[in-house]
Structure formats: structure tokens, C-alpha cells
Amino acid sequence: MAYTKNGNCDVCSTPALLTQLDSGQFVCPTCLRELRLPRLSRTSGLLANAILSVLSSVLGVVTLPVQCVTTFVLGILVRLTFGLLLLPISLVWVIVFLGPLLGTSWLWDKMPLLRLPLAMIGIPLALLASVYVCLMPSMGEFESRYAKLRICWTWPFSLDYVRYSGGKLDDDDRKVRIQRVMDTLPLNLRV
């Protein structure tokens, strides 16, 4: 049985109920969880994001010519329907892509053991979502399109990005991590 005491954590200096490690260090529950994760698990999010970035770049070469045609044709259809076509386009984005992207991002953060299966689901989902956003007409709302692309391209940190852009991300480590991911995006998508 591990020895516990009240005091300041040896790693982060936070006052809490501490657990003694085999090395003799006393750590808080947050640091204990972080120290028990393998090193790869701590950086797996950045690795998944790097894989997503490379695949997005490769897929962009194929998507660009198709994007020119689909945005033109769908833009005309949106004008002919007086904007009513934007409703199903937006519903598909929210139900099929946004919800699952934010849900898998939340699970990524809460359940480290599920990260490999989540990566197998989340990376293709983020790629499909970014292709969907690129192929749909923006109707002049480029900032909305860029925000959607940022949500796709920051996966598995999409939920952190949404909180960061809304000013609701309080954790400094998460802010640094999301800023590091944002620095890898194309210049016009950086915040």
C-alpha cells in the first residue's frame, strides 16, 4: 500500500493529498496520472495530429480541382434556392462531423487507453470533415469555413481549440499545446 500525506507535490508544488512513489517522491493525483502514462501516450496526440497534417496535405492535391467545380455549382444552387440549401449542408456538418469530432476529442482526453482505436476513427473522420468543408460553398463566410477547418485540422485537440477560441481554456499547458498545433497550420488558418 502506498503511503499518503498532505503537503506540496514534489513535481508541480501543488498542495494536495500526496502519494509516495517507489522513488520516494510525493506527488499529487494529477502528476501521478501523468507519470504513470507511458511517454508515447503523452505525445500521441501530437503524433496523431502530425499524421493528420501529412494526410491532409496529400489529399489537398486531389481535392483542390474538385473543390473549384463543387463550390461553383453548389454556390449557384444555394442562390437559386435562396439560401435554403445551406440548411441541410449545415445540418450534415453538425451531425455527421462536428459532433463526432468533438466527442472523439473529449474521449481522447479522458480515456488514454482508447487512443489507438480513437486515432483509427478520428483521423479518417477529420480528413473527411475537412474535405466536406472544402467542397461546400462558403457563400462569403470565409471565417466560418476557416474555423471549421481549424476544428478538423487540430484533431485530437478539437475540443481544446473550441474552448481556446471561445476564451474558456484555463489550463496553460493546453493553451501551449493548442498554440503549438496551430503553428503547424497554413498561415491563413492561424488565429
N, C-alpha and C. Protein backbone atom coordinates (compact mmCIF):
# COMPACT_ATOMS: atom_id res chain seq x y z
N MET A 1 0.84 -1.18 0.00
CA MET A 1 0.00 0.00 0.00
C MET A 1 0.88 1.24 0.00
N ALA A 2 0.55 2.20 -0.85
CA ALA A 2 1.33 3.43 -0.97
C ALA A 2 1.06 4.33 0.23
N TYR A 3 2.10 5.04 0.64
CA TYR A 3 1.99 5.96 1.75
C TYR A 3 1.46 7.29 1.24
N THR A 4 0.49 7.89 1.94
CA THR A 4 -0.06 9.18 1.54
C THR A 4 0.09 10.18 2.66
N LYS A 5 0.15 11.46 2.27
CA LYS A 5 0.22 12.54 3.24
C LYS A 5 -0.28 13.82 2.59
N ASN A 6 -0.62 14.80 3.43
CA ASN A 6 -0.96 16.12 2.92
C ASN A 6 0.31 16.94 2.80
N GLY A 7 0.41 17.75 1.75
CA GLY A 7 1.59 18.57 1.55
C GLY A 7 1.66 19.09 0.13
N ASN A 8 2.85 19.53 -0.27
CA ASN A 8 3.05 20.05 -1.62
C ASN A 8 3.68 18.98 -2.50
N CYS A 9 3.18 18.88 -3.72
CA CYS A 9 3.66 17.90 -4.69
C CYS A 9 5.12 18.19 -5.04
N ASP A 10 5.94 17.14 -5.13
CA ASP A 10 7.36 17.30 -5.48
C ASP A 10 7.55 17.67 -6.95
N VAL A 11 6.54 17.43 -7.80
CA VAL A 11 6.65 17.71 -9.23
C VAL A 11 6.12 19.10 -9.56
N CYS A 12 4.88 19.40 -9.13
CA CYS A 12 4.26 20.67 -9.52
C CYS A 12 4.05 21.63 -8.35
N SER A 13 4.41 21.25 -7.15
CA SER A 13 4.30 22.08 -5.93
C SER A 13 2.87 22.43 -5.56
N THR A 14 1.90 21.68 -6.02
CA THR A 14 0.51 21.92 -5.68
C THR A 14 0.19 21.29 -4.33
N PRO A 15 -0.46 22.03 -3.42
CA PRO A 15 -0.86 21.42 -2.15
C PRO A 15 -2.01 20.44 -2.39
N ALA A 16 -1.86 19.21 -1.92
CA ALA A 16 -2.88 18.18 -2.13
C ALA A 16 -2.58 16.98 -1.24
N LEU A 17 -3.45 15.97 -1.32
CA LEU A 17 -3.19 14.69 -0.70
C LEU A 17 -2.21 13.96 -1.61
N LEU A 18 -1.02 13.67 -1.11
CA LEU A 18 0.06 13.15 -1.94
C LEU A 18 0.26 11.66 -1.76
N THR A 19 0.75 11.02 -2.81
CA THR A 19 1.07 9.61 -2.79
C THR A 19 2.57 9.47 -2.97
N GLN A 20 3.19 8.58 -2.16
CA GLN A 20 4.63 8.38 -2.28
C GLN A 20 4.91 7.33 -3.35
N LEU A 21 5.82 7.68 -4.27
CA LEU A 21 6.25 6.76 -5.31
C LEU A 21 7.37 5.87 -4.79
N ASP A 22 7.72 4.83 -5.56
CA ASP A 22 8.82 3.96 -5.18
C ASP A 22 10.14 4.72 -5.07
N SER A 23 10.25 5.82 -5.83
CA SER A 23 11.47 6.62 -5.81
C SER A 23 11.55 7.50 -4.57
N GLY A 24 10.47 7.56 -3.79
CA GLY A 24 10.48 8.39 -2.59
C GLY A 24 9.81 9.74 -2.79
N GLN A 25 9.49 10.09 -4.03
CA GLN A 25 8.82 11.35 -4.31
C GLN A 25 7.37 11.29 -3.86
N PHE A 26 6.86 12.44 -3.40
CA PHE A 26 5.45 12.59 -3.08
C PHE A 26 4.81 13.41 -4.19
N VAL A 27 3.76 12.85 -4.83
CA VAL A 27 3.13 13.53 -5.96
C VAL A 27 1.62 13.62 -5.77
N CYS A 28 1.03 14.65 -6.40
CA CYS A 28 -0.42 14.85 -6.35
C CYS A 28 -1.09 13.89 -7.34
N PRO A 29 -2.42 13.71 -7.25
CA PRO A 29 -3.11 12.78 -8.16
C PRO A 29 -2.92 13.12 -9.65
N THR A 30 -2.89 14.41 -9.98
CA THR A 30 -2.71 14.81 -11.39
C THR A 30 -1.34 14.37 -11.90
N CYS A 31 -0.29 14.64 -11.16
CA CYS A 31 1.05 14.25 -11.58
C CYS A 31 1.22 12.73 -11.57
N LEU A 32 0.56 12.07 -10.62
CA LEU A 32 0.63 10.61 -10.56
C LEU A 32 0.06 10.00 -11.83
N ARG A 33 -1.10 10.53 -12.29
CA ARG A 33 -1.70 10.06 -13.54
C ARG A 33 -0.75 10.31 -14.71
N GLU A 34 -0.14 11.48 -14.75
CA GLU A 34 0.77 11.85 -15.85
C GLU A 34 2.03 10.99 -15.82
N LEU A 35 2.56 10.71 -14.63
CA LEU A 35 3.78 9.91 -14.54
C LEU A 35 3.53 8.44 -14.87
N ARG A 36 2.32 7.97 -14.65
CA ARG A 36 2.02 6.57 -14.93
C ARG A 36 1.79 6.31 -16.42
N LEU A 37 1.48 7.39 -17.18
CA LEU A 37 1.29 7.21 -18.62
C LEU A 37 2.64 7.02 -19.29
N PRO A 38 2.74 6.11 -20.23
CA PRO A 38 3.99 5.98 -20.96
C PRO A 38 4.28 7.25 -21.74
N ARG A 39 5.53 7.48 -22.06
CA ARG A 39 5.94 8.69 -22.76
C ARG A 39 5.22 8.84 -24.10
N LEU A 40 5.04 7.74 -24.83
CA LEU A 40 4.36 7.79 -26.11
C LEU A 40 2.92 8.26 -25.94
N SER A 41 2.27 7.86 -24.86
CA SER A 41 0.89 8.25 -24.63
C SER A 41 0.77 9.75 -24.44
N ARG A 42 1.77 10.38 -23.84
CA ARG A 42 1.71 11.83 -23.63
C ARG A 42 1.89 12.59 -24.93
N THR A 43 2.63 12.04 -25.86
CA THR A 43 2.87 12.73 -27.12
C THR A 43 2.04 12.15 -28.26
N SER A 44 1.20 11.18 -27.97
CA SER A 44 0.44 10.53 -29.03
C SER A 44 -0.51 11.49 -29.73
N GLY A 45 -1.01 12.49 -29.01
CA GLY A 45 -1.88 13.48 -29.63
C GLY A 45 -1.16 14.28 -30.69
N LEU A 46 0.06 14.67 -30.40
CA LEU A 46 0.84 15.42 -31.38
C LEU A 46 1.20 14.53 -32.57
N LEU A 47 1.45 13.25 -32.31
CA LEU A 47 1.74 12.32 -33.39
C LEU A 47 0.51 12.13 -34.28
N ALA A 48 -0.65 11.95 -33.67
CA ALA A 48 -1.89 11.80 -34.44
C ALA A 48 -2.15 13.06 -35.26
N ASN A 49 -1.90 14.22 -34.67
CA ASN A 49 -2.10 15.47 -35.40
C ASN A 49 -1.11 15.61 -36.55
N ALA A 50 0.13 15.17 -36.37
CA ALA A 50 1.12 15.22 -37.44
C ALA A 50 0.72 14.30 -38.59
N ILE A 51 0.22 13.11 -38.28
CA ILE A 51 -0.26 12.19 -39.32
C ILE A 51 -1.41 12.83 -40.08
N LEU A 52 -2.33 13.45 -39.35
CA LEU A 52 -3.46 14.12 -39.97
C LEU A 52 -2.99 15.24 -40.89
N SER A 53 -1.99 15.98 -40.46
CA SER A 53 -1.46 17.08 -41.26
C SER A 53 -0.86 16.59 -42.58
N VAL A 54 -0.09 15.53 -42.51
CA VAL A 54 0.53 14.98 -43.73
C VAL A 54 -0.55 14.46 -44.68
N LEU A 55 -1.49 13.70 -44.15
CA LEU A 55 -2.56 13.15 -44.99
C LEU A 55 -3.43 14.25 -45.59
N SER A 56 -3.67 15.32 -44.84
CA SER A 56 -4.44 16.46 -45.36
C SER A 56 -3.72 17.12 -46.52
N SER A 57 -2.41 17.25 -46.41
CA SER A 57 -1.64 17.85 -47.49
C SER A 57 -1.70 17.02 -48.76
N VAL A 58 -1.58 15.71 -48.61
CA VAL A 58 -1.64 14.82 -49.77
C VAL A 58 -3.04 14.85 -50.38
N LEU A 59 -4.05 14.79 -49.54
CA LEU A 59 -5.43 14.79 -50.01
C LEU A 59 -5.81 16.13 -50.64
N GLY A 60 -5.18 17.21 -50.19
CA GLY A 60 -5.45 18.54 -50.73
C GLY A 60 -5.14 18.65 -52.21
N VAL A 61 -4.14 17.94 -52.68
CA VAL A 61 -3.78 17.96 -54.09
C VAL A 61 -4.92 17.40 -54.93
N VAL A 62 -5.58 16.36 -54.44
CA VAL A 62 -6.69 15.75 -55.16
C VAL A 62 -7.96 16.59 -55.01
N THR A 63 -8.15 17.17 -53.85
CA THR A 63 -9.38 17.89 -53.54
C THR A 63 -9.48 19.24 -54.25
N LEU A 64 -8.38 19.92 -54.45
CA LEU A 64 -8.41 21.28 -54.99
C LEU A 64 -9.13 21.40 -56.33
N PRO A 65 -8.82 20.57 -57.34
CA PRO A 65 -9.55 20.71 -58.61
C PRO A 65 -11.06 20.44 -58.47
N VAL A 66 -11.41 19.47 -57.65
CA VAL A 66 -12.82 19.14 -57.44
C VAL A 66 -13.50 20.28 -56.69
N GLN A 67 -12.78 20.90 -55.77
CA GLN A 67 -13.32 21.99 -54.96
C GLN A 67 -13.78 23.15 -55.83
N CYS A 68 -13.01 23.47 -56.84
CA CYS A 68 -13.37 24.58 -57.74
C CYS A 68 -14.73 24.33 -58.39
N VAL A 69 -14.97 23.12 -58.83
CA VAL A 69 -16.23 22.78 -59.50
C VAL A 69 -17.38 22.73 -58.50
N THR A 70 -17.20 22.03 -57.38
CA THR A 70 -18.31 21.85 -56.44
C THR A 70 -18.73 23.15 -55.78
N THR A 71 -17.78 23.99 -55.41
CA THR A 71 -18.17 25.26 -54.78
C THR A 71 -18.91 26.15 -55.77
N PHE A 72 -18.52 26.11 -57.05
CA PHE A 72 -19.20 26.91 -58.07
C PHE A 72 -20.62 26.41 -58.29
N VAL A 73 -20.77 25.10 -58.52
CA VAL A 73 -22.09 24.52 -58.80
C VAL A 73 -23.00 24.64 -57.57
N LEU A 74 -22.50 24.28 -56.40
CA LEU A 74 -23.33 24.37 -55.20
C LEU A 74 -23.63 25.82 -54.83
N GLY A 75 -22.71 26.72 -55.13
CA GLY A 75 -22.96 28.14 -54.89
C GLY A 75 -24.13 28.64 -55.73
N ILE A 76 -24.20 28.21 -56.99
CA ILE A 76 -25.32 28.57 -57.86
C ILE A 76 -26.61 27.97 -57.31
N LEU A 77 -26.57 26.71 -56.88
CA LEU A 77 -27.77 26.07 -56.31
C LEU A 77 -28.24 26.77 -55.04
N VAL A 78 -27.31 27.22 -54.22
CA VAL A 78 -27.69 27.95 -53.00
C VAL A 78 -28.38 29.25 -53.37
N ARG A 79 -27.88 29.95 -54.37
CA ARG A 79 -28.52 31.20 -54.83
C ARG A 79 -29.92 30.92 -55.39
N LEU A 80 -30.05 29.84 -56.16
CA LEU A 80 -31.34 29.52 -56.76
C LEU A 80 -32.38 29.12 -55.70
N THR A 81 -31.93 28.53 -54.62
CA THR A 81 -32.85 28.12 -53.55
C THR A 81 -32.96 29.19 -52.45
N PHE A 82 -32.45 30.38 -52.73
CA PHE A 82 -32.49 31.50 -51.78
C PHE A 82 -31.86 31.16 -50.44
N GLY A 83 -30.82 30.35 -50.48
CA GLY A 83 -30.07 30.02 -49.28
C GLY A 83 -30.59 28.83 -48.51
N LEU A 84 -31.72 28.25 -48.95
CA LEU A 84 -32.30 27.12 -48.22
C LEU A 84 -31.42 25.88 -48.28
N LEU A 85 -30.60 25.76 -49.31
CA LEU A 85 -29.70 24.61 -49.43
C LEU A 85 -28.63 24.62 -48.33
N LEU A 86 -28.37 25.79 -47.75
CA LEU A 86 -27.37 25.87 -46.68
C LEU A 86 -27.82 25.15 -45.42
N LEU A 87 -29.13 25.02 -45.22
CA LEU A 87 -29.63 24.33 -44.02
C LEU A 87 -29.23 22.86 -43.99
N PRO A 88 -29.50 22.08 -45.04
CA PRO A 88 -29.04 20.68 -44.97
C PRO A 88 -27.52 20.55 -44.96
N ILE A 89 -26.83 21.47 -45.64
CA ILE A 89 -25.36 21.44 -45.63
C ILE A 89 -24.86 21.64 -44.21
N SER A 90 -25.45 22.59 -43.49
CA SER A 90 -25.04 22.86 -42.11
C SER A 90 -25.43 21.72 -41.18
N LEU A 91 -26.59 21.13 -41.39
CA LEU A 91 -27.01 20.00 -40.54
C LEU A 91 -26.08 18.81 -40.71
N VAL A 92 -25.67 18.53 -41.93
CA VAL A 92 -24.73 17.43 -42.15
C VAL A 92 -23.42 17.73 -41.43
N TRP A 93 -22.94 18.97 -41.49
CA TRP A 93 -21.69 19.33 -40.81
C TRP A 93 -21.81 19.09 -39.31
N VAL A 94 -22.90 19.59 -38.72
CA VAL A 94 -23.05 19.50 -37.26
C VAL A 94 -23.26 18.06 -36.80
N ILE A 95 -24.13 17.33 -37.47
CA ILE A 95 -24.49 15.98 -37.00
C ILE A 95 -23.43 14.94 -37.36
N VAL A 96 -22.98 14.97 -38.60
CA VAL A 96 -22.09 13.91 -39.07
C VAL A 96 -20.63 14.17 -38.70
N PHE A 97 -20.23 15.45 -38.67
CA PHE A 97 -18.80 15.73 -38.48
C PHE A 97 -18.47 16.44 -37.16
N LEU A 98 -19.11 17.55 -36.86
CA LEU A 98 -18.74 18.33 -35.67
C LEU A 98 -18.95 17.55 -34.38
N GLY A 99 -20.11 16.95 -34.22
CA GLY A 99 -20.39 16.17 -33.00
C GLY A 99 -19.38 15.06 -32.77
N PRO A 100 -19.18 14.19 -33.77
CA PRO A 100 -18.19 13.12 -33.58
C PRO A 100 -16.75 13.63 -33.39
N LEU A 101 -16.37 14.71 -34.07
CA LEU A 101 -15.01 15.25 -33.88
C LEU A 101 -14.81 15.71 -32.44
N LEU A 102 -15.77 16.46 -31.92
CA LEU A 102 -15.65 16.95 -30.53
C LEU A 102 -15.78 15.80 -29.54
N GLY A 103 -16.64 14.83 -29.85
CA GLY A 103 -16.80 13.67 -28.97
C GLY A 103 -15.54 12.82 -28.89
N THR A 104 -14.92 12.54 -30.03
CA THR A 104 -13.68 11.75 -30.01
C THR A 104 -12.55 12.54 -29.37
N SER A 105 -12.56 13.86 -29.55
CA SER A 105 -11.56 14.70 -28.89
C SER A 105 -11.70 14.64 -27.38
N TRP A 106 -12.95 14.66 -26.90
CA TRP A 106 -13.21 14.56 -25.46
C TRP A 106 -12.76 13.20 -24.94
N LEU A 107 -13.12 12.12 -25.67
CA LEU A 107 -12.71 10.78 -25.25
C LEU A 107 -11.19 10.63 -25.25
N TRP A 108 -10.51 11.24 -26.22
CA TRP A 108 -9.05 11.20 -26.30
C TRP A 108 -8.44 11.73 -25.02
N ASP A 109 -9.01 12.79 -24.53
CA ASP A 109 -8.50 13.44 -23.33
C ASP A 109 -8.83 12.64 -22.06
N LYS A 110 -10.01 12.05 -22.02
CA LYS A 110 -10.48 11.39 -20.80
C LYS A 110 -10.07 9.93 -20.67
N MET A 111 -9.84 9.23 -21.78
CA MET A 111 -9.56 7.80 -21.74
C MET A 111 -8.31 7.47 -22.56
N PRO A 112 -7.14 7.61 -21.96
CA PRO A 112 -5.88 7.38 -22.69
C PRO A 112 -5.75 5.97 -23.27
N LEU A 113 -6.39 4.99 -22.67
CA LEU A 113 -6.28 3.62 -23.18
C LEU A 113 -6.99 3.44 -24.52
N LEU A 114 -7.93 4.33 -24.84
CA LEU A 114 -8.67 4.22 -26.10
C LEU A 114 -8.05 5.04 -27.23
N ARG A 115 -6.86 5.57 -27.02
CA ARG A 115 -6.30 6.48 -28.02
C ARG A 115 -6.00 5.82 -29.36
N LEU A 116 -5.53 4.61 -29.37
CA LEU A 116 -5.25 3.94 -30.65
C LEU A 116 -6.54 3.71 -31.45
N PRO A 117 -7.59 3.13 -30.83
CA PRO A 117 -8.84 2.99 -31.60
C PRO A 117 -9.43 4.34 -32.00
N LEU A 118 -9.31 5.34 -31.12
CA LEU A 118 -9.82 6.66 -31.46
C LEU A 118 -9.05 7.28 -32.62
N ALA A 119 -7.76 7.03 -32.69
CA ALA A 119 -6.97 7.53 -33.82
C ALA A 119 -7.41 6.88 -35.12
N MET A 120 -7.74 5.59 -35.06
CA MET A 120 -8.19 4.89 -36.27
C MET A 120 -9.55 5.41 -36.75
N ILE A 121 -10.34 5.96 -35.84
CA ILE A 121 -11.64 6.55 -36.20
C ILE A 121 -11.48 8.04 -36.48
N GLY A 122 -10.76 8.73 -35.61
CA GLY A 122 -10.70 10.19 -35.66
C GLY A 122 -9.92 10.76 -36.83
N ILE A 123 -8.81 10.15 -37.21
CA ILE A 123 -8.02 10.69 -38.32
C ILE A 123 -8.81 10.64 -39.63
N PRO A 124 -9.41 9.49 -40.00
CA PRO A 124 -10.22 9.49 -41.23
C PRO A 124 -11.44 10.43 -41.12
N LEU A 125 -12.04 10.50 -39.93
CA LEU A 125 -13.19 11.39 -39.74
C LEU A 125 -12.77 12.85 -39.94
N ALA A 126 -11.64 13.25 -39.37
CA ALA A 126 -11.16 14.63 -39.53
C ALA A 126 -10.82 14.91 -41.00
N LEU A 127 -10.24 13.93 -41.68
CA LEU A 127 -9.94 14.11 -43.11
C LEU A 127 -11.22 14.28 -43.92
N LEU A 128 -12.20 13.41 -43.68
CA LEU A 128 -13.48 13.53 -44.39
C LEU A 128 -14.17 14.86 -44.09
N ALA A 129 -14.11 15.27 -42.83
CA ALA A 129 -14.74 16.53 -42.44
C ALA A 129 -14.07 17.71 -43.14
N SER A 130 -12.75 17.69 -43.22
CA SER A 130 -12.06 18.81 -43.89
C SER A 130 -12.35 18.82 -45.38
N VAL A 131 -12.45 17.65 -46.00
CA VAL A 131 -12.82 17.58 -47.42
C VAL A 131 -14.24 18.09 -47.62
N TYR A 132 -15.14 17.70 -46.72
CA TYR A 132 -16.53 18.18 -46.80
C TYR A 132 -16.58 19.70 -46.72
N VAL A 133 -15.85 20.28 -45.77
CA VAL A 133 -15.83 21.74 -45.63
C VAL A 133 -15.28 22.39 -46.89
N CYS A 134 -14.24 21.81 -47.45
CA CYS A 134 -13.63 22.38 -48.66
C CYS A 134 -14.57 22.30 -49.86
N LEU A 135 -15.34 21.25 -49.97
CA LEU A 135 -16.20 21.06 -51.15
C LEU A 135 -17.52 21.83 -51.07
N MET A 136 -17.92 22.27 -49.90
CA MET A 136 -19.16 23.01 -49.76
C MET A 136 -18.93 24.50 -49.98
N PRO A 137 -19.94 25.21 -50.52
CA PRO A 137 -19.77 26.64 -50.75
C PRO A 137 -19.73 27.41 -49.43
N SER A 138 -18.89 28.45 -49.38
CA SER A 138 -18.81 29.24 -48.14
C SER A 138 -19.71 30.45 -48.19
N MET A 139 -20.12 30.85 -49.38
CA MET A 139 -21.02 31.99 -49.59
C MET A 139 -20.49 33.25 -48.92
N GLY A 140 -19.19 33.45 -49.01
CA GLY A 140 -18.57 34.66 -48.49
C GLY A 140 -18.21 34.61 -47.02
N GLU A 141 -18.61 33.57 -46.32
CA GLU A 141 -18.31 33.46 -44.89
C GLU A 141 -17.02 32.66 -44.72
N PHE A 142 -15.92 33.28 -45.07
CA PHE A 142 -14.64 32.57 -45.05
C PHE A 142 -14.16 32.29 -43.63
N GLU A 143 -14.47 33.17 -42.70
CA GLU A 143 -14.04 32.94 -41.31
C GLU A 143 -14.72 31.71 -40.72
N SER A 144 -15.97 31.49 -41.09
CA SER A 144 -16.68 30.29 -40.63
C SER A 144 -16.04 29.04 -41.23
N ARG A 145 -15.69 29.11 -42.51
CA ARG A 145 -15.02 27.98 -43.16
C ARG A 145 -13.67 27.72 -42.50
N TYR A 146 -12.92 28.77 -42.22
CA TYR A 146 -11.61 28.61 -41.59
C TYR A 146 -11.75 28.01 -40.19
N ALA A 147 -12.77 28.43 -39.45
CA ALA A 147 -12.99 27.87 -38.11
C ALA A 147 -13.29 26.37 -38.19
N LYS A 148 -14.10 25.98 -39.18
CA LYS A 148 -14.41 24.56 -39.35
C LYS A 148 -13.15 23.77 -39.72
N LEU A 149 -12.34 24.34 -40.60
CA LEU A 149 -11.09 23.67 -40.98
C LEU A 149 -10.15 23.56 -39.80
N ARG A 150 -10.10 24.59 -38.95
CA ARG A 150 -9.26 24.52 -37.75
C ARG A 150 -9.72 23.41 -36.82
N ILE A 151 -11.04 23.25 -36.68
CA ILE A 151 -11.57 22.18 -35.84
C ILE A 151 -11.14 20.82 -36.39
N CYS A 152 -11.19 20.68 -37.72
CA CYS A 152 -10.77 19.41 -38.35
C CYS A 152 -9.27 19.19 -38.18
N TRP A 153 -8.49 20.19 -38.48
CA TRP A 153 -7.03 20.03 -38.54
C TRP A 153 -6.34 20.07 -37.19
N THR A 154 -7.06 20.42 -36.13
CA THR A 154 -6.46 20.37 -34.79
C THR A 154 -6.84 19.09 -34.05
N TRP A 155 -7.56 18.19 -34.70
CA TRP A 155 -7.92 16.94 -34.03
C TRP A 155 -6.64 16.21 -33.65
N PRO A 156 -6.48 15.61 -32.50
CA PRO A 156 -7.42 15.27 -31.44
C PRO A 156 -7.61 16.37 -30.39
N PHE A 157 -7.17 17.57 -30.71
CA PHE A 157 -7.32 18.68 -29.77
C PHE A 157 -8.44 19.62 -30.20
N SER A 158 -9.42 19.13 -30.94
CA SER A 158 -10.51 19.96 -31.45
C SER A 158 -11.31 20.61 -30.33
N LEU A 159 -11.58 19.86 -29.29
CA LEU A 159 -12.34 20.41 -28.17
C LEU A 159 -11.53 21.50 -27.47
N ASP A 160 -10.24 21.29 -27.32
CA ASP A 160 -9.38 22.33 -26.75
C ASP A 160 -9.38 23.57 -27.63
N TYR A 161 -9.37 23.37 -28.95
CA TYR A 161 -9.40 24.54 -29.86
C TYR A 161 -10.70 25.32 -29.71
N VAL A 162 -11.84 24.60 -29.63
CA VAL A 162 -13.13 25.28 -29.48
C VAL A 162 -13.14 26.07 -28.17
N ARG A 163 -12.64 25.46 -27.10
CA ARG A 163 -12.58 26.18 -25.82
C ARG A 163 -11.61 27.35 -25.89
N TYR A 164 -10.49 27.16 -26.56
CA TYR A 164 -9.47 28.21 -26.71
C TYR A 164 -10.02 29.39 -27.50
N SER A 165 -10.71 29.09 -28.59
CA SER A 165 -11.24 30.18 -29.41
C SER A 165 -12.38 30.91 -28.71
N GLY A 166 -13.07 30.23 -27.80
CA GLY A 166 -14.13 30.85 -27.03
C GLY A 166 -13.64 31.51 -25.76
N GLY A 167 -12.33 31.44 -25.49
CA GLY A 167 -11.76 32.04 -24.29
C GLY A 167 -12.05 31.26 -23.02
N LYS A 168 -12.42 29.99 -23.14
CA LYS A 168 -12.79 29.18 -21.97
C LYS A 168 -11.74 28.14 -21.60
N LEU A 169 -10.56 28.23 -22.17
CA LEU A 169 -9.50 27.27 -21.86
C LEU A 169 -8.59 27.89 -20.82
N ASP A 170 -8.64 27.35 -19.59
CA ASP A 170 -7.90 27.94 -18.48
C ASP A 170 -6.53 27.29 -18.26
N ASP A 171 -6.37 26.07 -18.66
CA ASP A 171 -5.14 25.31 -18.43
C ASP A 171 -4.03 25.82 -19.34
N ASP A 172 -2.94 26.32 -18.75
CA ASP A 172 -1.84 26.88 -19.53
C ASP A 172 -1.15 25.83 -20.40
N ASP A 173 -1.02 24.59 -19.89
CA ASP A 173 -0.40 23.53 -20.69
C ASP A 173 -1.20 23.26 -21.96
N ARG A 174 -2.53 23.26 -21.84
CA ARG A 174 -3.38 23.05 -23.00
C ARG A 174 -3.28 24.22 -23.97
N LYS A 175 -3.18 25.43 -23.45
CA LYS A 175 -3.02 26.60 -24.32
C LYS A 175 -1.74 26.51 -25.12
N VAL A 176 -0.67 26.11 -24.47
CA VAL A 176 0.62 25.97 -25.16
C VAL A 176 0.52 24.86 -26.21
N ARG A 177 -0.12 23.75 -25.86
CA ARG A 177 -0.25 22.62 -26.79
C ARG A 177 -1.08 23.02 -28.00
N ILE A 178 -2.22 23.71 -27.79
CA ILE A 178 -3.06 24.08 -28.92
C ILE A 178 -2.36 25.13 -29.77
N GLN A 179 -1.59 26.01 -29.14
CA GLN A 179 -0.84 27.01 -29.91
C GLN A 179 0.24 26.32 -30.75
N ARG A 180 0.85 25.29 -30.20
CA ARG A 180 1.87 24.52 -30.93
C ARG A 180 1.26 23.84 -32.15
N VAL A 181 0.06 23.30 -31.98
CA VAL A 181 -0.64 22.67 -33.10
C VAL A 181 -1.06 23.72 -34.13
N MET A 182 -1.53 24.87 -33.64
CA MET A 182 -1.96 25.94 -34.55
C MET A 182 -0.80 26.47 -35.37
N ASP A 183 0.40 26.42 -34.84
CA ASP A 183 1.57 26.91 -35.58
C ASP A 183 1.89 26.04 -36.78
N THR A 184 1.37 24.82 -36.82
CA THR A 184 1.62 23.93 -37.96
C THR A 184 0.62 24.15 -39.08
N LEU A 185 -0.44 24.93 -38.84
CA LEU A 185 -1.47 25.16 -39.85
C LEU A 185 -0.98 26.16 -40.89
N PRO A 186 -1.62 26.16 -42.07
CA PRO A 186 -1.28 27.19 -43.07
C PRO A 186 -1.52 28.59 -42.49
N LEU A 187 -0.80 29.57 -43.00
CA LEU A 187 -0.83 30.92 -42.44
C LEU A 187 -2.21 31.52 -42.37
N ASN A 188 -3.07 31.31 -43.38
CA ASN A 188 -4.39 31.92 -43.35
C ASN A 188 -5.34 31.26 -42.35
N LEU A 189 -4.96 30.12 -41.77
CA LEU A 189 -5.82 29.46 -40.78
C LEU A 189 -5.37 29.70 -39.35
N ARG A 190 -4.25 30.35 -39.16
CA ARG A 190 -3.78 30.60 -37.79
C ARG A 190 -4.60 31.70 -37.16
N VAL A 191 -4.77 31.59 -35.84
CA VAL A 191 -5.57 32.60 -35.13
C VAL A 191 -4.66 33.69 -34.63
